[in-house]
């Protein structure tokens, strides 16, 4: 799974070069775990890492260039993704 996280992190960095590598990896890990935990809470069967990887990739393609903007407006993620110290200027 770590290889998938690293691959998705690299894809996010291409889509959003304003992000640091560490911040991009935090985003990927949050998206991954949030999807899997929400699916489990909803009672869905686990579909596997490949399914989750494809979903996170779709999110990167759709919203990757705007993720850094989202964190500041959402209190659920703002404290985890305070970008003041690691966004490239």
C-alpha atoms as a PDB file:
ATOM      1  CA  UNK A   1       0.000   0.000   0.000  1.00  0.00           C
ATOM      2  CA  UNK A   2       2.886   2.382   0.715  1.00  0.00           C
ATOM      3  CA  UNK A   3       3.879   2.221  -2.952  1.00  0.00           C
ATOM      4  CA  UNK A   4       0.360   3.287  -3.938  1.00  0.00           C
ATOM      5  CA  UNK A   5       0.494   6.204  -1.476  1.00  0.00           C
ATOM      6  CA  UNK A   6       3.842   7.334  -2.886  1.00  0.00           C
ATOM      7  CA  UNK A   7       2.580   7.054  -6.463  1.00  0.00           C
ATOM      8  CA  UNK A   8      -0.561   9.055  -5.669  1.00  0.00           C
ATOM      9  CA  UNK A   9       1.513  11.640  -3.799  1.00  0.00           C
ATOM     10  CA  UNK A  10       3.641  12.147  -6.915  1.00  0.00           C
ATOM     11  CA  UNK A  11       0.492  12.531  -9.031  1.00  0.00           C
ATOM     12  CA  UNK A  12      -0.885  15.137  -6.628  1.00  0.00           C
ATOM     13  CA  UNK A  13       2.380  17.082  -6.759  1.00  0.00           C
ATOM     14  CA  UNK A  14       2.148  17.219 -10.557  1.00  0.00           C
ATOM     15  CA  UNK A  15      -1.420  18.500 -10.303  1.00  0.00           C
ATOM     16  CA  UNK A  16      -0.634  20.930  -7.466  1.00  0.00           C
ATOM     17  CA  UNK A  17       3.033  21.997  -7.464  1.00  0.00           C
ATOM     18  CA  UNK A  18       2.308  24.563  -4.741  1.00  0.00           C
ATOM     19  CA  UNK A  19       2.191  21.750  -2.193  1.00  0.00           C
ATOM     20  CA  UNK A  20       5.185  20.334  -0.406  1.00  0.00           C
ATOM     21  CA  UNK A  21       5.806  16.600  -0.654  1.00  0.00           C
ATOM     22  CA  UNK A  22       4.929  16.103   3.008  1.00  0.00           C
ATOM     23  CA  UNK A  23       1.658  18.004   2.696  1.00  0.00           C
ATOM     24  CA  UNK A  24       0.714  16.089  -0.452  1.00  0.00           C
ATOM     25  CA  UNK A  25       1.327  12.785   1.314  1.00  0.00           C
ATOM     26  CA  UNK A  26      -0.835  13.888   4.267  1.00  0.00           C
ATOM     27  CA  UNK A  27      -3.629  14.699   1.813  1.00  0.00           C
ATOM     28  CA  UNK A  28      -3.361  11.325   0.107  1.00  0.00           C
ATOM     29  CA  UNK A  29      -3.375   9.481   3.427  1.00  0.00           C
ATOM     30  CA  UNK A  30      -6.398  11.484   4.620  1.00  0.00           C
ATOM     31  CA  UNK A  31      -8.354  10.888   1.439  1.00  0.00           C
ATOM     32  CA  UNK A  32      -7.487   7.194   1.499  1.00  0.00           C
ATOM     33  CA  UNK A  33      -8.398   6.603   5.149  1.00  0.00           C
ATOM     34  CA  UNK A  34     -11.486   8.810   5.005  1.00  0.00           C
ATOM     35  CA  UNK A  35     -12.895   6.867   2.072  1.00  0.00           C
ATOM     36  CA  UNK A  36     -12.186   3.478   3.634  1.00  0.00           C
ATOM     37  CA  UNK A  37     -13.577   4.397   7.057  1.00  0.00           C
ATOM     38  CA  UNK A  38     -16.690   6.045   5.607  1.00  0.00           C
ATOM     39  CA  UNK A  39     -17.356   3.003   3.440  1.00  0.00           C
ATOM     40  CA  UNK A  40     -16.919   0.664   6.393  1.00  0.00           C
ATOM     41  CA  UNK A  41     -19.231   2.748   8.600  1.00  0.00           C
ATOM     42  CA  UNK A  42     -21.833   2.670   5.855  1.00  0.00           C
ATOM     43  CA  UNK A  43     -21.661  -1.120   5.834  1.00  0.00           C
ATOM     44  CA  UNK A  44     -20.114  -1.588   2.410  1.00  0.00           C
ATOM     45  CA  UNK A  45     -17.862  -4.553   1.750  1.00  0.00           C
ATOM     46  CA  UNK A  46     -14.173  -3.773   1.412  1.00  0.00           C
ATOM     47  CA  UNK A  47     -13.357  -3.490  -2.297  1.00  0.00           C
ATOM     48  CA  UNK A  48      -9.587  -3.525  -1.991  1.00  0.00           C
ATOM     49  CA  UNK A  49      -6.660  -1.172  -2.290  1.00  0.00           C
ATOM     50  CA  UNK A  50      -6.925  -0.946  -6.079  1.00  0.00           C
ATOM     51  CA  UNK A  51     -10.469   0.407  -5.823  1.00  0.00           C
ATOM     52  CA  UNK A  52      -9.426   2.974  -3.213  1.00  0.00           C
ATOM     53  CA  UNK A  53      -6.405   3.963  -5.300  1.00  0.00           C
ATOM     54  CA  UNK A  54      -8.632   4.622  -8.321  1.00  0.00           C
ATOM     55  CA  UNK A  55     -11.056   6.693  -6.260  1.00  0.00           C
ATOM     56  CA  UNK A  56      -8.265   8.826  -4.772  1.00  0.00           C
ATOM     57  CA  UNK A  57      -6.819   9.270  -8.275  1.00  0.00           C
ATOM     58  CA  UNK A  58     -10.204  10.560  -9.474  1.00  0.00           C
ATOM     59  CA  UNK A  59     -10.229  13.049  -6.598  1.00  0.00           C
ATOM     60  CA  UNK A  60      -6.718  14.193  -7.499  1.00  0.00           C
ATOM     61  CA  UNK A  61      -7.703  14.688 -11.131  1.00  0.00           C
ATOM     62  CA  UNK A  62     -10.851  16.597 -10.205  1.00  0.00           C
ATOM     63  CA  UNK A  63      -9.729  18.624  -7.200  1.00  0.00           C
ATOM     64  CA  UNK A  64      -5.966  18.227  -6.797  1.00  0.00           C
ATOM     65  CA  UNK A  65      -5.113  21.747  -7.862  1.00  0.00           C
ATOM     66  CA  UNK A  66      -7.540  23.181  -5.278  1.00  0.00           C
ATOM     67  CA  UNK A  67      -6.906  20.981  -2.236  1.00  0.00           C
ATOM     68  CA  UNK A  68      -4.723  23.563  -0.515  1.00  0.00           C
ATOM     69  CA  UNK A  69      -7.620  26.061  -0.730  1.00  0.00           C
ATOM     70  CA  UNK A  70     -10.104  23.601   0.768  1.00  0.00           C
ATOM     71  CA  UNK A  71      -8.136  22.951   3.956  1.00  0.00           C
ATOM     72  CA  UNK A  72      -8.245  26.541   5.103  1.00  0.00           C
ATOM     73  CA  UNK A  73     -12.033  26.720   4.806  1.00  0.00           C
ATOM     74  CA  UNK A  74     -12.886  23.404   6.447  1.00  0.00           C
ATOM     75  CA  UNK A  75     -12.381  23.269  10.223  1.00  0.00           C
ATOM     76  CA  UNK A  76     -12.322  19.455  10.158  1.00  0.00           C
ATOM     77  CA  UNK A  77      -9.055  19.515   8.208  1.00  0.00           C
ATOM     78  CA  UNK A  78      -7.625  22.969   8.859  1.00  0.00           C
ATOM     79  CA  UNK A  79      -5.650  21.969  11.958  1.00  0.00           C
ATOM     80  CA  UNK A  80      -4.207  18.936  10.159  1.00  0.00           C
ATOM     81  CA  UNK A  81      -3.327  20.812   7.015  1.00  0.00           C
ATOM     82  CA  UNK A  82      -2.184  24.207   8.149  1.00  0.00           C
ATOM     83  CA  UNK A  83      -0.208  25.109   5.082  1.00  0.00           C
ATOM     84  CA  UNK A  84       1.378  28.279   6.420  1.00  0.00           C
ATOM     85  CA  UNK A  85       4.742  26.643   6.928  1.00  0.00           C
ATOM     86  CA  UNK A  86       5.147  24.367   3.946  1.00  0.00           C
ATOM     87  CA  UNK A  87       3.476  25.775   0.861  1.00  0.00           C
ATOM     88  CA  UNK A  88       5.967  26.829  -1.759  1.00  0.00           C
ATOM     89  CA  UNK A  89       6.005  30.557  -2.460  1.00  0.00           C
END
